[in-house]
Amino acid sequence: MLFIRAHWVVLVRYWFPACLWAVLIFLGSGNALSASHTSRFLIPFLHACFPFLSQESLDWVHFAVRKGGHMTEYFVLTVLFWRGLSGFHADHRLNWRPRHAFLAWTLAVVYAASDEFHQTFTSSRQGSIIDVLIDAAGASVGLLGVAALLRWRRYRARNYLPAGTPVPLPAEAA
């Protein structure tokens, strides 16, 4: 019974944030955050910050901010998926597992494709394969961030733990 309870705790602790973030992405892909709606507040804000920019430049910055938002959304989603997949392992804070990374990236890209498909049913939006590719790039950068963080954590654990404290070996060496 304790075993089942522990798995539920891990499941909720590590998968709830990923599921919540996926719901937020889904809600954001509706009419409220379409380009026509975000331009109503973002273009005036950009114009106030950069009054010397032409309307064409403001439109380009608006476009870049929106695509950067795509990358950021899927950066975070991939990190959360990786965390959910790795949470059942005791050494998840130090070790990289390629299988978990591949699954996290795949889940994020499939979710991106389904989100773009969802946008085809929204009147002020349209699905785009380019956006899926941008999302996949954000997912890739997210995994690079995870790899860098784990490398830093292993370095810190090796160099700053008190003498005699065992350091978990990477999964490949075990």
N, C-alpha and C. Protein backbone atom coordinates (compact mmCIF):
# COMPACT_ATOMS: atom_id res chain seq x y z
N MET A 1 0.82 -1.20 0.00
CA MET A 1 0.00 0.00 0.00
C MET A 1 0.86 1.26 0.00
N LEU A 2 1.92 1.24 0.78
CA LEU A 2 2.83 2.38 0.82
C LEU A 2 3.48 2.61 -0.54
N PHE A 3 3.79 1.50 -1.24
CA PHE A 3 4.40 1.59 -2.57
C PHE A 3 3.47 2.32 -3.54
N ILE A 4 2.19 1.96 -3.53
CA ILE A 4 1.21 2.59 -4.42
C ILE A 4 1.05 4.06 -4.05
N ARG A 5 1.00 4.36 -2.78
CA ARG A 5 0.86 5.72 -2.32
C ARG A 5 2.06 6.57 -2.73
N ALA A 6 3.24 6.02 -2.61
CA ALA A 6 4.46 6.74 -3.00
C ALA A 6 4.44 7.05 -4.49
N HIS A 7 3.96 6.12 -5.31
CA HIS A 7 3.90 6.38 -6.74
C HIS A 7 2.89 7.48 -7.07
N TRP A 8 1.78 7.54 -6.35
CA TRP A 8 0.82 8.61 -6.58
C TRP A 8 1.42 9.96 -6.23
N VAL A 9 2.17 10.00 -5.15
CA VAL A 9 2.81 11.26 -4.75
C VAL A 9 3.80 11.70 -5.82
N VAL A 10 4.61 10.77 -6.31
CA VAL A 10 5.57 11.09 -7.36
C VAL A 10 4.84 11.50 -8.63
N LEU A 11 3.80 10.78 -8.96
CA LEU A 11 3.03 11.10 -10.16
C LEU A 11 2.47 12.52 -10.10
N VAL A 12 1.87 12.87 -8.99
CA VAL A 12 1.30 14.21 -8.85
C VAL A 12 2.40 15.27 -8.79
N ARG A 13 3.43 15.00 -8.01
CA ARG A 13 4.51 15.98 -7.84
C ARG A 13 5.24 16.28 -9.16
N TYR A 14 5.47 15.25 -9.96
CA TYR A 14 6.27 15.44 -11.17
C TYR A 14 5.46 15.63 -12.44
N TRP A 15 4.22 15.19 -12.48
CA TRP A 15 3.44 15.32 -13.71
C TRP A 15 2.41 16.44 -13.66
N PHE A 16 1.97 16.84 -12.48
CA PHE A 16 0.97 17.90 -12.39
C PHE A 16 1.46 19.20 -13.04
N PRO A 17 2.70 19.66 -12.78
CA PRO A 17 3.14 20.89 -13.44
C PRO A 17 3.14 20.79 -14.97
N ALA A 18 3.53 19.64 -15.50
CA ALA A 18 3.54 19.47 -16.96
C ALA A 18 2.11 19.52 -17.51
N CYS A 19 1.20 18.87 -16.84
CA CYS A 19 -0.20 18.88 -17.28
C CYS A 19 -0.80 20.28 -17.17
N LEU A 20 -0.50 20.98 -16.10
CA LEU A 20 -0.99 22.34 -15.93
C LEU A 20 -0.44 23.26 -17.02
N TRP A 21 0.84 23.12 -17.33
CA TRP A 21 1.45 23.95 -18.37
C TRP A 21 0.82 23.64 -19.74
N ALA A 22 0.54 22.36 -20.01
CA ALA A 22 -0.11 21.98 -21.26
C ALA A 22 -1.50 22.60 -21.36
N VAL A 23 -2.23 22.64 -20.26
CA VAL A 23 -3.56 23.27 -20.26
C VAL A 23 -3.42 24.77 -20.54
N LEU A 24 -2.43 25.41 -19.94
CA LEU A 24 -2.21 26.84 -20.20
C LEU A 24 -1.89 27.11 -21.66
N ILE A 25 -1.08 26.24 -22.27
CA ILE A 25 -0.78 26.39 -23.70
C ILE A 25 -2.06 26.24 -24.51
N PHE A 26 -2.88 25.25 -24.17
CA PHE A 26 -4.14 25.02 -24.87
C PHE A 26 -5.04 26.25 -24.77
N LEU A 27 -5.16 26.80 -23.57
CA LEU A 27 -6.00 27.98 -23.38
C LEU A 27 -5.46 29.18 -24.15
N GLY A 28 -4.14 29.30 -24.22
CA GLY A 28 -3.53 30.40 -24.94
C GLY A 28 -3.64 30.29 -26.45
N SER A 29 -3.97 29.12 -26.94
CA SER A 29 -4.06 28.96 -28.39
C SER A 29 -5.45 29.27 -28.92
N GLY A 30 -6.29 29.84 -28.07
CA GLY A 30 -7.61 30.27 -28.51
C GLY A 30 -7.56 31.67 -29.08
N ASN A 31 -8.72 32.30 -29.17
CA ASN A 31 -8.84 33.65 -29.74
C ASN A 31 -8.11 34.71 -28.93
N ALA A 32 -8.11 34.59 -27.61
CA ALA A 32 -7.62 35.66 -26.75
C ALA A 32 -6.17 36.05 -27.03
N LEU A 33 -5.33 35.10 -27.39
CA LEU A 33 -3.91 35.41 -27.63
C LEU A 33 -3.54 35.30 -29.11
N SER A 34 -4.50 35.53 -29.98
CA SER A 34 -4.19 35.54 -31.42
C SER A 34 -3.41 36.81 -31.75
N ALA A 35 -2.77 36.82 -32.90
CA ALA A 35 -1.94 37.98 -33.29
C ALA A 35 -2.76 39.26 -33.34
N SER A 36 -4.00 39.17 -33.80
CA SER A 36 -4.83 40.38 -33.89
C SER A 36 -5.17 40.93 -32.51
N HIS A 37 -5.31 40.05 -31.52
CA HIS A 37 -5.62 40.51 -30.17
C HIS A 37 -4.37 41.00 -29.43
N THR A 38 -3.26 40.30 -29.56
CA THR A 38 -2.05 40.74 -28.85
C THR A 38 -1.49 42.03 -29.44
N SER A 39 -1.74 42.27 -30.72
CA SER A 39 -1.24 43.50 -31.32
C SER A 39 -1.92 44.73 -30.72
N ARG A 40 -3.11 44.57 -30.18
CA ARG A 40 -3.84 45.70 -29.60
C ARG A 40 -3.14 46.27 -28.37
N PHE A 41 -2.45 45.44 -27.62
CA PHE A 41 -1.74 45.96 -26.44
C PHE A 41 -0.22 45.92 -26.61
N LEU A 42 0.30 44.99 -27.40
CA LEU A 42 1.74 44.87 -27.53
C LEU A 42 2.34 45.96 -28.44
N ILE A 43 1.67 46.25 -29.55
CA ILE A 43 2.18 47.29 -30.46
C ILE A 43 2.23 48.66 -29.76
N PRO A 44 1.15 49.10 -29.07
CA PRO A 44 1.27 50.38 -28.35
C PRO A 44 2.35 50.37 -27.27
N PHE A 45 2.50 49.24 -26.59
CA PHE A 45 3.56 49.14 -25.57
C PHE A 45 4.93 49.27 -26.23
N LEU A 46 5.15 48.56 -27.32
CA LEU A 46 6.43 48.64 -28.03
C LEU A 46 6.67 50.05 -28.57
N HIS A 47 5.60 50.68 -29.06
CA HIS A 47 5.74 52.04 -29.58
C HIS A 47 6.11 53.01 -28.46
N ALA A 48 5.56 52.80 -27.26
CA ALA A 48 5.90 53.66 -26.12
C ALA A 48 7.35 53.45 -25.70
N CYS A 49 7.83 52.21 -25.79
CA CYS A 49 9.21 51.92 -25.41
C CYS A 49 10.21 52.35 -26.48
N PHE A 50 9.81 52.22 -27.73
CA PHE A 50 10.70 52.53 -28.86
C PHE A 50 9.97 53.44 -29.85
N PRO A 51 9.80 54.72 -29.51
CA PRO A 51 9.02 55.62 -30.38
C PRO A 51 9.67 55.88 -31.74
N PHE A 52 10.94 55.58 -31.88
CA PHE A 52 11.65 55.83 -33.14
C PHE A 52 11.43 54.72 -34.16
N LEU A 53 10.80 53.60 -33.78
CA LEU A 53 10.58 52.49 -34.72
C LEU A 53 9.40 52.77 -35.64
N SER A 54 9.55 52.37 -36.89
CA SER A 54 8.46 52.51 -37.84
C SER A 54 7.40 51.45 -37.56
N GLN A 55 6.23 51.62 -38.19
CA GLN A 55 5.16 50.64 -38.01
C GLN A 55 5.59 49.26 -38.51
N GLU A 56 6.33 49.25 -39.59
CA GLU A 56 6.83 47.97 -40.13
C GLU A 56 7.77 47.28 -39.13
N SER A 57 8.63 48.07 -38.50
CA SER A 57 9.54 47.51 -37.50
C SER A 57 8.77 47.03 -36.26
N LEU A 58 7.76 47.77 -35.85
CA LEU A 58 6.94 47.35 -34.72
C LEU A 58 6.22 46.04 -35.02
N ASP A 59 5.73 45.91 -36.24
CA ASP A 59 5.06 44.67 -36.65
C ASP A 59 6.05 43.50 -36.62
N TRP A 60 7.28 43.75 -37.06
CA TRP A 60 8.28 42.69 -37.05
C TRP A 60 8.63 42.29 -35.62
N VAL A 61 8.79 43.27 -34.72
CA VAL A 61 9.10 42.97 -33.32
C VAL A 61 7.94 42.20 -32.69
N HIS A 62 6.72 42.59 -33.00
CA HIS A 62 5.54 41.87 -32.50
C HIS A 62 5.57 40.41 -32.96
N PHE A 63 5.89 40.20 -34.22
CA PHE A 63 6.01 38.85 -34.77
C PHE A 63 7.11 38.07 -34.04
N ALA A 64 8.27 38.70 -33.83
CA ALA A 64 9.39 38.04 -33.16
C ALA A 64 9.05 37.69 -31.71
N VAL A 65 8.35 38.58 -31.02
CA VAL A 65 7.95 38.31 -29.63
C VAL A 65 6.99 37.13 -29.58
N ARG A 66 6.06 37.08 -30.52
CA ARG A 66 5.10 35.96 -30.56
C ARG A 66 5.81 34.64 -30.83
N LYS A 67 6.76 34.62 -31.76
CA LYS A 67 7.48 33.37 -32.06
C LYS A 67 8.42 33.01 -30.90
N GLY A 68 8.98 34.01 -30.24
CA GLY A 68 9.77 33.74 -29.04
C GLY A 68 8.91 33.14 -27.94
N GLY A 69 7.65 33.56 -27.88
CA GLY A 69 6.72 32.97 -26.93
C GLY A 69 6.48 31.50 -27.22
N HIS A 70 6.38 31.17 -28.52
CA HIS A 70 6.24 29.76 -28.91
C HIS A 70 7.43 28.95 -28.38
N MET A 71 8.63 29.45 -28.65
CA MET A 71 9.83 28.73 -28.21
C MET A 71 9.84 28.57 -26.69
N THR A 72 9.51 29.63 -25.98
CA THR A 72 9.54 29.60 -24.53
C THR A 72 8.51 28.62 -23.97
N GLU A 73 7.30 28.63 -24.53
CA GLU A 73 6.26 27.71 -24.08
C GLU A 73 6.73 26.25 -24.15
N TYR A 74 7.34 25.91 -25.28
CA TYR A 74 7.72 24.51 -25.48
C TYR A 74 9.07 24.18 -24.84
N PHE A 75 9.89 25.18 -24.59
CA PHE A 75 11.08 25.01 -23.75
C PHE A 75 10.63 24.51 -22.38
N VAL A 76 9.70 25.25 -21.78
CA VAL A 76 9.21 24.91 -20.43
C VAL A 76 8.48 23.57 -20.45
N LEU A 77 7.62 23.34 -21.45
CA LEU A 77 6.87 22.09 -21.51
C LEU A 77 7.80 20.89 -21.60
N THR A 78 8.84 20.98 -22.39
CA THR A 78 9.78 19.87 -22.53
C THR A 78 10.53 19.61 -21.24
N VAL A 79 10.95 20.67 -20.57
CA VAL A 79 11.63 20.50 -19.28
C VAL A 79 10.69 19.83 -18.29
N LEU A 80 9.43 20.23 -18.27
CA LEU A 80 8.47 19.63 -17.35
C LEU A 80 8.17 18.17 -17.72
N PHE A 81 8.09 17.88 -19.02
CA PHE A 81 7.91 16.48 -19.44
C PHE A 81 9.12 15.64 -19.03
N TRP A 82 10.32 16.17 -19.24
CA TRP A 82 11.53 15.44 -18.85
C TRP A 82 11.51 15.19 -17.34
N ARG A 83 11.14 16.20 -16.58
CA ARG A 83 11.07 16.07 -15.12
C ARG A 83 10.06 14.99 -14.74
N GLY A 84 8.92 14.96 -15.40
CA GLY A 84 7.92 13.94 -15.11
C GLY A 84 8.41 12.54 -15.43
N LEU A 85 9.11 12.40 -16.55
CA LEU A 85 9.62 11.08 -16.94
C LEU A 85 10.76 10.63 -16.04
N SER A 86 11.54 11.55 -15.53
CA SER A 86 12.70 11.21 -14.71
C SER A 86 12.40 11.12 -13.23
N GLY A 87 11.24 11.58 -12.81
CA GLY A 87 10.92 11.68 -11.40
C GLY A 87 10.87 10.37 -10.64
N PHE A 88 10.71 9.26 -11.33
CA PHE A 88 10.61 7.98 -10.65
C PHE A 88 11.98 7.38 -10.33
N HIS A 89 13.05 8.03 -10.74
CA HIS A 89 14.40 7.54 -10.47
C HIS A 89 15.03 8.34 -9.34
N ALA A 90 15.65 7.66 -8.42
CA ALA A 90 16.23 8.32 -7.25
C ALA A 90 17.33 9.31 -7.62
N ASP A 91 18.05 9.04 -8.68
CA ASP A 91 19.17 9.90 -9.07
C ASP A 91 18.80 10.90 -10.17
N HIS A 92 17.52 11.22 -10.30
CA HIS A 92 17.07 12.08 -11.40
C HIS A 92 17.65 13.49 -11.35
N ARG A 93 18.11 13.93 -10.21
CA ARG A 93 18.65 15.29 -10.12
C ARG A 93 20.08 15.39 -10.64
N LEU A 94 20.72 14.24 -10.92
CA LEU A 94 22.11 14.28 -11.38
C LEU A 94 22.34 13.58 -12.72
N ASN A 95 21.48 12.68 -13.11
CA ASN A 95 21.79 11.84 -14.27
C ASN A 95 20.87 12.09 -15.47
N TRP A 96 21.47 12.07 -16.61
CA TRP A 96 20.80 12.26 -17.90
C TRP A 96 20.44 10.90 -18.48
N ARG A 97 19.23 10.75 -18.91
CA ARG A 97 18.79 9.52 -19.56
C ARG A 97 18.31 9.88 -20.96
N PRO A 98 19.03 9.44 -21.99
CA PRO A 98 18.65 9.79 -23.37
C PRO A 98 17.22 9.39 -23.71
N ARG A 99 16.78 8.26 -23.19
CA ARG A 99 15.42 7.81 -23.50
C ARG A 99 14.39 8.81 -22.97
N HIS A 100 14.60 9.31 -21.77
CA HIS A 100 13.68 10.30 -21.20
C HIS A 100 13.72 11.59 -22.01
N ALA A 101 14.90 11.98 -22.43
CA ALA A 101 15.03 13.20 -23.23
C ALA A 101 14.29 13.05 -24.56
N PHE A 102 14.48 11.92 -25.22
CA PHE A 102 13.80 11.68 -26.49
C PHE A 102 12.28 11.66 -26.30
N LEU A 103 11.81 10.99 -25.27
CA LEU A 103 10.36 10.93 -25.02
C LEU A 103 9.79 12.30 -24.68
N ALA A 104 10.51 13.08 -23.89
CA ALA A 104 10.05 14.42 -23.54
C ALA A 104 9.96 15.29 -24.78
N TRP A 105 10.98 15.22 -25.64
CA TRP A 105 10.98 16.01 -26.87
C TRP A 105 9.83 15.56 -27.78
N THR A 106 9.65 14.25 -27.91
CA THR A 106 8.59 13.73 -28.76
C THR A 106 7.21 14.15 -28.25
N LEU A 107 6.99 14.02 -26.95
CA LEU A 107 5.71 14.45 -26.37
C LEU A 107 5.45 15.93 -26.65
N ALA A 108 6.47 16.75 -26.49
CA ALA A 108 6.31 18.19 -26.71
C ALA A 108 5.99 18.49 -28.17
N VAL A 109 6.67 17.84 -29.09
CA VAL A 109 6.43 18.11 -30.52
C VAL A 109 5.06 17.59 -30.94
N VAL A 110 4.66 16.43 -30.44
CA VAL A 110 3.32 15.92 -30.75
C VAL A 110 2.26 16.87 -30.18
N TYR A 111 2.50 17.38 -28.98
CA TYR A 111 1.57 18.33 -28.39
C TYR A 111 1.53 19.62 -29.21
N ALA A 112 2.69 20.06 -29.70
CA ALA A 112 2.74 21.26 -30.54
C ALA A 112 1.93 21.06 -31.81
N ALA A 113 2.07 19.90 -32.44
CA ALA A 113 1.31 19.62 -33.66
C ALA A 113 -0.19 19.58 -33.36
N SER A 114 -0.56 18.97 -32.24
CA SER A 114 -1.99 18.90 -31.90
C SER A 114 -2.53 20.30 -31.57
N ASP A 115 -1.70 21.14 -30.97
CA ASP A 115 -2.11 22.50 -30.66
C ASP A 115 -2.31 23.31 -31.94
N GLU A 116 -1.42 23.14 -32.89
CA GLU A 116 -1.60 23.83 -34.18
C GLU A 116 -2.86 23.33 -34.90
N PHE A 117 -3.14 22.04 -34.79
CA PHE A 117 -4.36 21.49 -35.37
C PHE A 117 -5.57 22.11 -34.67
N HIS A 118 -5.50 22.25 -33.37
CA HIS A 118 -6.58 22.88 -32.59
C HIS A 118 -6.82 24.31 -33.08
N GLN A 119 -5.75 25.01 -33.44
CA GLN A 119 -5.89 26.40 -33.89
C GLN A 119 -6.62 26.52 -35.22
N THR A 120 -6.63 25.45 -36.01
CA THR A 120 -7.36 25.51 -37.29
C THR A 120 -8.86 25.63 -37.06
N PHE A 121 -9.35 25.31 -35.87
CA PHE A 121 -10.77 25.41 -35.55
C PHE A 121 -11.12 26.73 -34.88
N THR A 122 -10.14 27.60 -34.72
CA THR A 122 -10.34 28.91 -34.09
C THR A 122 -10.39 29.96 -35.19
N SER A 123 -11.41 30.83 -35.13
CA SER A 123 -11.65 31.76 -36.23
C SER A 123 -10.49 32.74 -36.48
N SER A 124 -9.83 33.22 -35.44
CA SER A 124 -8.79 34.24 -35.63
C SER A 124 -7.38 33.64 -35.70
N ARG A 125 -7.29 32.32 -35.79
CA ARG A 125 -5.97 31.68 -35.82
C ARG A 125 -5.91 30.69 -36.96
N GLN A 126 -4.70 30.27 -37.25
CA GLN A 126 -4.51 29.22 -38.25
C GLN A 126 -3.34 28.35 -37.83
N GLY A 127 -3.42 27.08 -38.13
CA GLY A 127 -2.34 26.17 -37.81
C GLY A 127 -1.17 26.39 -38.77
N SER A 128 0.04 26.16 -38.29
CA SER A 128 1.22 26.39 -39.12
C SER A 128 2.29 25.36 -38.80
N ILE A 129 2.80 24.72 -39.84
CA ILE A 129 3.91 23.78 -39.65
C ILE A 129 5.16 24.52 -39.20
N ILE A 130 5.30 25.78 -39.60
CA ILE A 130 6.45 26.59 -39.17
C ILE A 130 6.42 26.76 -37.66
N ASP A 131 5.22 26.97 -37.10
CA ASP A 131 5.12 27.10 -35.64
C ASP A 131 5.49 25.80 -34.94
N VAL A 132 5.13 24.67 -35.54
CA VAL A 132 5.52 23.38 -34.95
C VAL A 132 7.04 23.26 -34.95
N LEU A 133 7.69 23.69 -36.03
CA LEU A 133 9.16 23.64 -36.09
C LEU A 133 9.78 24.59 -35.07
N ILE A 134 9.18 25.75 -34.87
CA ILE A 134 9.67 26.69 -33.86
C ILE A 134 9.51 26.07 -32.47
N ASP A 135 8.36 25.42 -32.26
CA ASP A 135 8.12 24.75 -30.98
C ASP A 135 9.13 23.62 -30.76
N ALA A 136 9.44 22.87 -31.82
CA ALA A 136 10.42 21.79 -31.72
C ALA A 136 11.80 22.35 -31.39
N ALA A 137 12.13 23.51 -31.95
CA ALA A 137 13.40 24.16 -31.61
C ALA A 137 13.42 24.57 -30.14
N GLY A 138 12.32 25.10 -29.65
CA GLY A 138 12.22 25.45 -28.23
C GLY A 138 12.37 24.22 -27.34
N ALA A 139 11.77 23.11 -27.78
CA ALA A 139 11.89 21.85 -27.02
C ALA A 139 13.35 21.39 -27.00
N SER A 140 14.04 21.52 -28.12
CA SER A 140 15.45 21.12 -28.19
C SER A 140 16.31 21.97 -27.26
N VAL A 141 16.07 23.27 -27.27
CA VAL A 141 16.82 24.16 -26.39
C VAL A 141 16.51 23.84 -24.93
N GLY A 142 15.28 23.45 -24.64
CA GLY A 142 14.92 23.05 -23.28
C GLY A 142 15.73 21.85 -22.82
N LEU A 143 15.90 20.88 -23.71
CA LEU A 143 16.70 19.70 -23.34
C LEU A 143 18.17 20.06 -23.18
N LEU A 144 18.67 20.98 -23.99
CA LEU A 144 20.05 21.44 -23.80
C LEU A 144 20.20 22.12 -22.44
N GLY A 145 19.19 22.86 -22.04
CA GLY A 145 19.21 23.48 -20.72
C GLY A 145 19.22 22.46 -19.60
N VAL A 146 18.42 21.40 -19.76
CA VAL A 146 18.40 20.33 -18.76
C VAL A 146 19.77 19.66 -18.68
N ALA A 147 20.35 19.37 -19.84
CA ALA A 147 21.67 18.71 -19.87
C ALA A 147 22.72 19.58 -19.19
N ALA A 148 22.69 20.89 -19.46
CA ALA A 148 23.65 21.80 -18.83
C ALA A 148 23.43 21.87 -17.32
N LEU A 149 22.18 21.90 -16.90
CA LEU A 149 21.89 21.94 -15.46
C LEU A 149 22.37 20.67 -14.76
N LEU A 150 22.15 19.52 -15.37
CA LEU A 150 22.59 18.26 -14.76
C LEU A 150 24.12 18.19 -14.70
N ARG A 151 24.75 18.66 -15.75
CA ARG A 151 26.22 18.68 -15.75
C ARG A 151 26.75 19.56 -14.63
N TRP A 152 26.13 20.72 -14.45
CA TRP A 152 26.54 21.63 -13.39
C TRP A 152 26.28 21.01 -12.02
N ARG A 153 25.13 20.34 -11.85
CA ARG A 153 24.83 19.69 -10.56
C ARG A 153 25.83 18.58 -10.25
N ARG A 154 26.20 17.79 -11.26
CA ARG A 154 27.20 16.73 -11.03
C ARG A 154 28.54 17.34 -10.65
N TYR A 155 28.94 18.40 -11.32
CA TYR A 155 30.19 19.09 -11.01
C TYR A 155 30.17 19.59 -9.57
N ARG A 156 29.08 20.23 -9.19
CA ARG A 156 28.95 20.76 -7.84
C ARG A 156 28.95 19.66 -6.79
N ALA A 157 28.26 18.56 -7.10
CA ALA A 157 28.20 17.44 -6.15
C ALA A 157 29.59 16.82 -5.99
N ARG A 158 30.34 16.72 -7.07
CA ARG A 158 31.69 16.12 -7.02
C ARG A 158 32.66 17.01 -6.27
N ASN A 159 32.56 18.30 -6.46
CA ASN A 159 33.56 19.21 -5.92
C ASN A 159 33.21 19.87 -4.60
N TYR A 160 31.95 19.84 -4.20
CA TYR A 160 31.57 20.58 -3.01
C TYR A 160 30.93 19.74 -1.93
N LEU A 161 30.78 18.44 -2.13
CA LEU A 161 30.25 17.58 -1.06
C LEU A 161 31.34 17.32 -0.03
N PRO A 162 30.94 17.12 1.21
CA PRO A 162 31.94 16.79 2.23
C PRO A 162 32.66 15.49 1.89
N ALA A 163 33.88 15.37 2.31
CA ALA A 163 34.68 14.18 2.02
C ALA A 163 33.96 12.94 2.56
N GLY A 164 33.99 11.89 1.77
CA GLY A 164 33.38 10.62 2.17
C GLY A 164 31.93 10.47 1.75
N THR A 165 31.30 11.55 1.24
CA THR A 165 29.91 11.45 0.78
C THR A 165 29.90 10.78 -0.59
N PRO A 166 29.13 9.70 -0.74
CA PRO A 166 29.10 9.03 -2.04
C PRO A 166 28.40 9.89 -3.09
N VAL A 167 28.94 9.95 -4.28
CA VAL A 167 28.37 10.69 -5.39
C VAL A 167 27.76 9.70 -6.36
N PRO A 168 26.48 9.86 -6.71
CA PRO A 168 25.88 8.93 -7.66
C PRO A 168 26.60 8.99 -9.01
N LEU A 169 26.83 7.84 -9.58
CA LEU A 169 27.47 7.79 -10.90
C LEU A 169 26.45 8.06 -11.97
N PRO A 170 26.87 8.59 -13.12
CA PRO A 170 25.95 8.77 -14.23
C PRO A 170 25.34 7.41 -14.63
N ALA A 171 24.17 7.45 -15.20
CA ALA A 171 23.45 6.23 -15.57
C ALA A 171 24.26 5.35 -16.51
N GLU A 172 25.05 5.96 -17.40
CA GLU A 172 25.83 5.19 -18.36
C GLU A 172 26.91 4.35 -17.66
N ALA A 173 27.47 4.88 -16.56
CA ALA A 173 28.56 4.19 -15.88
C ALA A 173 28.05 3.12 -14.92
N ALA A 174 26.79 3.24 -14.53
CA ALA A 174 26.24 2.27 -13.56
C ALA A 174 25.97 0.93 -14.18
